PDB file of all heavy atoms in Angstrom:
ATOM      1  N   PRO A   1       0.170  -4.902 -19.288  1.00  0.00           N
ATOM      2  CA  PRO A   1       0.729  -6.175 -19.757  1.00  0.00           C
ATOM      3  C   PRO A   1       2.080  -6.515 -19.126  1.00  0.00           C
ATOM      4  O   PRO A   1       2.561  -7.632 -19.238  1.00  0.00           O
ATOM      5  CB  PRO A   1       0.883  -5.948 -21.264  1.00  0.00           C
ATOM      6  CG  PRO A   1       0.980  -4.464 -21.425  1.00  0.00           C
ATOM      7  CD  PRO A   1       0.149  -3.878 -20.327  1.00  0.00           C
ATOM      8  N   ARG A   2       2.698  -5.539 -18.438  1.00  0.00           N
ATOM      9  CA  ARG A   2       3.965  -5.821 -17.753  1.00  0.00           C
ATOM     10  C   ARG A   2       3.818  -5.531 -16.262  1.00  0.00           C
ATOM     11  O   ARG A   2       2.883  -4.861 -15.839  1.00  0.00           O
ATOM     12  CB  ARG A   2       5.119  -5.007 -18.356  1.00  0.00           C
ATOM     13  CG  ARG A   2       4.980  -3.520 -18.204  1.00  0.00           C
ATOM     14  CD  ARG A   2       6.100  -2.753 -18.910  1.00  0.00           C
ATOM     15  NE  ARG A   2       5.923  -1.314 -18.774  1.00  0.00           N
ATOM     16  CZ  ARG A   2       6.312  -0.606 -17.726  1.00  0.00           C
ATOM     17  NH1 ARG A   2       6.935  -1.188 -16.721  1.00  0.00           N
ATOM     18  NH2 ARG A   2       6.100   0.689 -17.682  1.00  0.00           N
ATOM     19  N   VAL A   3       4.762  -6.034 -15.505  1.00  0.00           N
ATOM     20  CA  VAL A   3       4.724  -5.845 -14.045  1.00  0.00           C
ATOM     21  C   VAL A   3       5.147  -4.417 -13.710  1.00  0.00           C
ATOM     22  O   VAL A   3       6.220  -3.966 -14.118  1.00  0.00           O
ATOM     23  CB  VAL A   3       5.659  -6.857 -13.340  1.00  0.00           C
ATOM     24  CG1 VAL A   3       5.674  -6.596 -11.832  1.00  0.00           C
ATOM     25  CG2 VAL A   3       5.214  -8.289 -13.636  1.00  0.00           C
ATOM     26  N   VAL A   4       4.296  -3.711 -12.990  1.00  0.00           N
ATOM     27  CA  VAL A   4       4.579  -2.338 -12.564  1.00  0.00           C
ATOM     28  C   VAL A   4       4.316  -2.253 -11.064  1.00  0.00           C
ATOM     29  O   VAL A   4       3.302  -2.751 -10.574  1.00  0.00           O
ATOM     30  CB  VAL A   4       3.692  -1.320 -13.320  1.00  0.00           C
ATOM     31  CG1 VAL A   4       3.975   0.108 -12.843  1.00  0.00           C
ATOM     32  CG2 VAL A   4       3.909  -1.429 -14.829  1.00  0.00           C
ATOM     33  N   GLY A   5       5.229  -1.620 -10.341  1.00  0.00           N
ATOM     34  CA  GLY A   5       5.093  -1.492  -8.903  1.00  0.00           C
ATOM     35  C   GLY A   5       4.230  -0.308  -8.505  1.00  0.00           C
ATOM     36  O   GLY A   5       3.851   0.531  -9.332  1.00  0.00           O
ATOM     37  N   PHE A   6       3.944  -0.231  -7.205  1.00  0.00           N
ATOM     38  CA  PHE A   6       3.122   0.847  -6.643  1.00  0.00           C
ATOM     39  C   PHE A   6       3.780   1.357  -5.363  1.00  0.00           C
ATOM     40  O   PHE A   6       4.310   0.563  -4.575  1.00  0.00           O
ATOM     41  CB  PHE A   6       1.712   0.324  -6.314  1.00  0.00           C
ATOM     42  CG  PHE A   6       0.907   1.274  -5.469  1.00  0.00           C
ATOM     43  CD1 PHE A   6       0.234   2.338  -6.045  1.00  0.00           C
ATOM     44  CD2 PHE A   6       0.850   1.114  -4.080  1.00  0.00           C
ATOM     45  CE1 PHE A   6      -0.490   3.235  -5.252  1.00  0.00           C
ATOM     46  CE2 PHE A   6       0.134   2.001  -3.289  1.00  0.00           C
ATOM     47  CZ  PHE A   6      -0.543   3.059  -3.880  1.00  0.00           C
ATOM     48  N   LYS A   7       3.725   2.667  -5.157  1.00  0.00           N
ATOM     49  CA  LYS A   7       4.268   3.251  -3.932  1.00  0.00           C
ATOM     50  C   LYS A   7       3.272   4.241  -3.337  1.00  0.00           C
ATOM     51  O   LYS A   7       2.819   5.169  -4.023  1.00  0.00           O
ATOM     52  CB  LYS A   7       5.608   3.946  -4.213  1.00  0.00           C
ATOM     53  CG  LYS A   7       6.235   4.627  -2.981  1.00  0.00           C
ATOM     54  CD  LYS A   7       7.617   5.173  -3.311  1.00  0.00           C
ATOM     55  CE  LYS A   7       8.174   6.041  -2.192  1.00  0.00           C
ATOM     56  NZ  LYS A   7       9.519   6.574  -2.504  1.00  0.00           N
ATOM     57  N   ALA A   8       2.908   4.017  -2.081  1.00  0.00           N
ATOM     58  CA  ALA A   8       2.060   4.944  -1.331  1.00  0.00           C
ATOM     59  C   ALA A   8       2.962   5.869  -0.530  1.00  0.00           C
ATOM     60  O   ALA A   8       3.806   5.402   0.230  1.00  0.00           O
ATOM     61  CB  ALA A   8       1.135   4.176  -0.394  1.00  0.00           C
ATOM     62  N   ALA A   9       2.782   7.168  -0.699  1.00  0.00           N
ATOM     63  CA  ALA A   9       3.652   8.125  -0.006  1.00  0.00           C
ATOM     64  C   ALA A   9       2.839   9.279   0.547  1.00  0.00           C
ATOM     65  O   ALA A   9       1.923   9.782  -0.109  1.00  0.00           O
ATOM     66  CB  ALA A   9       4.711   8.662  -0.965  1.00  0.00           C
ATOM     67  N   GLY A  10       3.183   9.678   1.764  1.00  0.00           N
ATOM     68  CA  GLY A  10       2.506  10.804   2.392  1.00  0.00           C
ATOM     69  C   GLY A  10       1.296  10.356   3.174  1.00  0.00           C
ATOM     70  O   GLY A  10       0.317   9.894   2.602  1.00  0.00           O
ATOM     71  N   GLY A  11       1.381  10.437   4.489  1.00  0.00           N
ATOM     72  CA  GLY A  11       0.224  10.132   5.324  1.00  0.00           C
ATOM     73  C   GLY A  11       0.147   8.716   5.857  1.00  0.00           C
ATOM     74  O   GLY A  11      -0.773   8.388   6.599  1.00  0.00           O
ATOM     75  N   VAL A  12       1.100   7.853   5.465  1.00  0.00           N
ATOM     76  CA  VAL A  12       1.129   6.495   6.028  1.00  0.00           C
ATOM     77  C   VAL A  12       2.045   6.555   7.253  1.00  0.00           C
ATOM     78  O   VAL A  12       3.267   6.504   7.131  1.00  0.00           O
ATOM     79  CB  VAL A  12       1.632   5.456   4.997  1.00  0.00           C
ATOM     80  CG1 VAL A  12       1.525   4.046   5.568  1.00  0.00           C
ATOM     81  CG2 VAL A  12       0.834   5.554   3.697  1.00  0.00           C
ATOM     82  N   LYS A  13       1.444   6.672   8.427  1.00  0.00           N
ATOM     83  CA  LYS A  13       2.225   6.986   9.628  1.00  0.00           C
ATOM     84  C   LYS A  13       2.255   5.871  10.674  1.00  0.00           C
ATOM     85  O   LYS A  13       3.120   5.865  11.542  1.00  0.00           O
ATOM     86  CB  LYS A  13       1.668   8.257  10.293  1.00  0.00           C
ATOM     87  CG  LYS A  13       1.768   9.498   9.406  1.00  0.00           C
ATOM     88  CD  LYS A  13       1.179  10.713  10.097  1.00  0.00           C
ATOM     89  CE  LYS A  13       1.183  11.936   9.208  1.00  0.00           C
ATOM     90  NZ  LYS A  13       2.514  12.381   8.798  1.00  0.00           N
ATOM     91  N   THR A  14       1.291   4.963  10.621  1.00  0.00           N
ATOM     92  CA  THR A  14       1.192   3.930  11.651  1.00  0.00           C
ATOM     93  C   THR A  14       1.081   2.545  11.023  1.00  0.00           C
ATOM     94  O   THR A  14       0.781   2.414   9.829  1.00  0.00           O
ATOM     95  CB  THR A  14      -0.053   4.155  12.529  1.00  0.00           C
ATOM     96  OG1 THR A  14      -1.229   3.962  11.712  1.00  0.00           O
ATOM     97  CG2 THR A  14      -0.071   5.548  13.143  1.00  0.00           C
ATOM     98  N   VAL A  15       1.303   1.537  11.834  1.00  0.00           N
ATOM     99  CA  VAL A  15       1.149   0.160  11.357  1.00  0.00           C
ATOM    100  C   VAL A  15      -0.291  -0.067  10.890  1.00  0.00           C
ATOM    101  O   VAL A  15      -0.528  -0.737   9.881  1.00  0.00           O
ATOM    102  CB  VAL A  15       1.531  -0.854  12.463  1.00  0.00           C
ATOM    103  CG1 VAL A  15       1.223  -2.280  12.021  1.00  0.00           C
ATOM    104  CG2 VAL A  15       3.012  -0.728  12.807  1.00  0.00           C
ATOM    105  N   MET A  16      -1.247   0.544  11.596  1.00  0.00           N
ATOM    106  CA  MET A  16      -2.642   0.402  11.183  1.00  0.00           C
ATOM    107  C   MET A  16      -2.869   0.993   9.787  1.00  0.00           C
ATOM    108  O   MET A  16      -3.561   0.394   8.950  1.00  0.00           O
ATOM    109  CB  MET A  16      -3.567   1.087  12.197  1.00  0.00           C
ATOM    110  CG  MET A  16      -5.032   0.782  11.987  1.00  0.00           C
ATOM    111  SD  MET A  16      -6.088   1.491  13.267  1.00  0.00           S
ATOM    112  CE  MET A  16      -5.649   0.436  14.647  1.00  0.00           C
ATOM    113  N   ASP A  17      -2.280   2.177   9.540  1.00  0.00           N
ATOM    114  CA  ASP A  17      -2.359   2.765   8.192  1.00  0.00           C
ATOM    115  C   ASP A  17      -1.776   1.798   7.164  1.00  0.00           C
ATOM    116  O   ASP A  17      -2.393   1.526   6.126  1.00  0.00           O
ATOM    117  CB  ASP A  17      -1.552   4.074   8.113  1.00  0.00           C
ATOM    118  CG  ASP A  17      -2.131   5.212   8.927  1.00  0.00           C
ATOM    119  OD1 ASP A  17      -3.340   5.186   9.206  1.00  0.00           O
ATOM    120  OD2 ASP A  17      -1.353   6.123   9.286  1.00  0.00           O
ATOM    121  N   ALA A  18      -0.586   1.302   7.445  1.00  0.00           N
ATOM    122  CA  ALA A  18       0.101   0.399   6.518  1.00  0.00           C
ATOM    123  C   ALA A  18      -0.735  -0.851   6.259  1.00  0.00           C
ATOM    124  O   ALA A  18      -0.843  -1.316   5.106  1.00  0.00           O
ATOM    125  CB  ALA A  18       1.475   0.021   7.066  1.00  0.00           C
ATOM    126  N   SER A  19      -1.348  -1.386   7.309  1.00  0.00           N
ATOM    127  CA  SER A  19      -2.154  -2.611   7.179  1.00  0.00           C
ATOM    128  C   SER A  19      -3.280  -2.434   6.171  1.00  0.00           C
ATOM    129  O   SER A  19      -3.575  -3.343   5.388  1.00  0.00           O
ATOM    130  CB  SER A  19      -2.747  -3.007   8.529  1.00  0.00           C
ATOM    131  OG  SER A  19      -1.733  -3.384   9.432  1.00  0.00           O
ATOM    132  N   ASN A  20      -3.901  -1.257   6.188  1.00  0.00           N
ATOM    133  CA  ASN A  20      -5.002  -1.002   5.254  1.00  0.00           C
ATOM    134  C   ASN A  20      -4.531  -1.046   3.802  1.00  0.00           C
ATOM    135  O   ASN A  20      -5.225  -1.580   2.925  1.00  0.00           O
ATOM    136  CB  ASN A  20      -5.650   0.359   5.557  1.00  0.00           C
ATOM    137  CG  ASN A  20      -6.401   0.357   6.869  1.00  0.00           C
ATOM    138  OD1 ASN A  20      -6.939  -0.661   7.291  1.00  0.00           O
ATOM    139  ND2 ASN A  20      -6.443   1.499   7.535  1.00  0.00           N
ATOM    140  N   TYR A  21      -3.348  -0.485   3.553  1.00  0.00           N
ATOM    141  CA  TYR A  21      -2.794  -0.501   2.195  1.00  0.00           C
ATOM    142  C   TYR A  21      -2.364  -1.919   1.799  1.00  0.00           C
ATOM    143  O   TYR A  21      -2.576  -2.345   0.657  1.00  0.00           O
ATOM    144  CB  TYR A  21      -1.605   0.462   2.091  1.00  0.00           C
ATOM    145  CG  TYR A  21      -2.032   1.902   2.029  1.00  0.00           C
ATOM    146  CD1 TYR A  21      -2.186   2.658   3.190  1.00  0.00           C
ATOM    147  CD2 TYR A  21      -2.294   2.517   0.811  1.00  0.00           C
ATOM    148  CE1 TYR A  21      -2.605   3.985   3.142  1.00  0.00           C
ATOM    149  CE2 TYR A  21      -2.704   3.847   0.749  1.00  0.00           C
ATOM    150  CZ  TYR A  21      -2.864   4.569   1.917  1.00  0.00           C
ATOM    151  OH  TYR A  21      -3.285   5.874   1.856  1.00  0.00           O
ATOM    152  N   LEU A  22      -1.766  -2.639   2.722  1.00  0.00           N
ATOM    153  CA  LEU A  22      -1.327  -4.005   2.439  1.00  0.00           C
ATOM    154  C   LEU A  22      -2.522  -4.896   2.112  1.00  0.00           C
ATOM    155  O   LEU A  22      -2.466  -5.717   1.183  1.00  0.00           O
ATOM    156  CB  LEU A  22      -0.548  -4.573   3.630  1.00  0.00           C
ATOM    157  CG  LEU A  22       0.788  -3.892   3.944  1.00  0.00           C
ATOM    158  CD1 LEU A  22       1.358  -4.416   5.258  1.00  0.00           C
ATOM    159  CD2 LEU A  22       1.789  -4.072   2.813  1.00  0.00           C
ATOM    160  N   GLN A  23      -3.628  -4.720   2.840  1.00  0.00           N
ATOM    161  CA  GLN A  23      -4.822  -5.517   2.587  1.00  0.00           C
ATOM    162  C   GLN A  23      -5.423  -5.192   1.219  1.00  0.00           C
ATOM    163  O   GLN A  23      -5.800  -6.092   0.455  1.00  0.00           O
ATOM    164  CB  GLN A  23      -5.874  -5.274   3.678  1.00  0.00           C
ATOM    165  CG  GLN A  23      -7.104  -6.176   3.569  1.00  0.00           C
ATOM    166  CD  GLN A  23      -6.750  -7.650   3.641  1.00  0.00           C
ATOM    167  OE1 GLN A  23      -6.155  -8.110   4.603  1.00  0.00           O
ATOM    168  NE2 GLN A  23      -7.094  -8.413   2.599  1.00  0.00           N
ATOM    169  N   LEU A  24      -5.495  -3.901   0.907  1.00  0.00           N
ATOM    170  CA  LEU A  24      -6.049  -3.477  -0.383  1.00  0.00           C
ATOM    171  C   LEU A  24      -5.203  -4.016  -1.537  1.00  0.00           C
ATOM    172  O   LEU A  24      -5.748  -4.527  -2.536  1.00  0.00           O
ATOM    173  CB  LEU A  24      -6.116  -1.952  -0.437  1.00  0.00           C
ATOM    174  CG  LEU A  24      -6.715  -1.325  -1.705  1.00  0.00           C
ATOM    175  CD1 LEU A  24      -8.143  -1.803  -1.937  1.00  0.00           C
ATOM    176  CD2 LEU A  24      -6.677   0.201  -1.611  1.00  0.00           C
ATOM    177  N   ALA A  25      -3.885  -3.916  -1.406  1.00  0.00           N
ATOM    178  CA  ALA A  25      -2.992  -4.415  -2.459  1.00  0.00           C
ATOM    179  C   ALA A  25      -3.122  -5.926  -2.619  1.00  0.00           C
ATOM    180  O   ALA A  25      -3.106  -6.448  -3.745  1.00  0.00           O
ATOM    181  CB  ALA A  25      -1.548  -4.039  -2.148  1.00  0.00           C
ATOM    182  N   THR A  26      -3.268  -6.628  -1.511  1.00  0.00           N
ATOM    183  CA  THR A  26      -3.456  -8.084  -1.570  1.00  0.00           C
ATOM    184  C   THR A  26      -4.752  -8.418  -2.286  1.00  0.00           C
ATOM    185  O   THR A  26      -4.797  -9.317  -3.139  1.00  0.00           O
ATOM    186  CB  THR A  26      -3.469  -8.694  -0.146  1.00  0.00           C
ATOM    187  OG1 THR A  26      -2.245  -8.370   0.497  1.00  0.00           O
ATOM    188  CG2 THR A  26      -3.614 -10.203  -0.193  1.00  0.00           C
ATOM    189  N   ASP A  27      -5.813  -7.698  -1.967  1.00  0.00           N
ATOM    190  CA  ASP A  27      -7.121  -7.954  -2.582  1.00  0.00           C
ATOM    191  C   ASP A  27      -7.089  -7.758  -4.094  1.00  0.00           C
ATOM    192  O   ASP A  27      -7.705  -8.516  -4.845  1.00  0.00           O
ATOM    193  CB  ASP A  27      -8.193  -7.024  -1.989  1.00  0.00           C
ATOM    194  CG  ASP A  27      -8.513  -7.338  -0.531  1.00  0.00           C
ATOM    195  OD1 ASP A  27      -8.121  -8.431  -0.059  1.00  0.00           O
ATOM    196  OD2 ASP A  27      -9.134  -6.486   0.136  1.00  0.00           O
TER     197      ASP A  27
END
């Protein structure tokens, strides 16, 4: 019911890795 953030840590090493997480979070 309240706004809570998310942090991905460990193993995100490239822009391609980051893009996958950004797309999933957007979806």
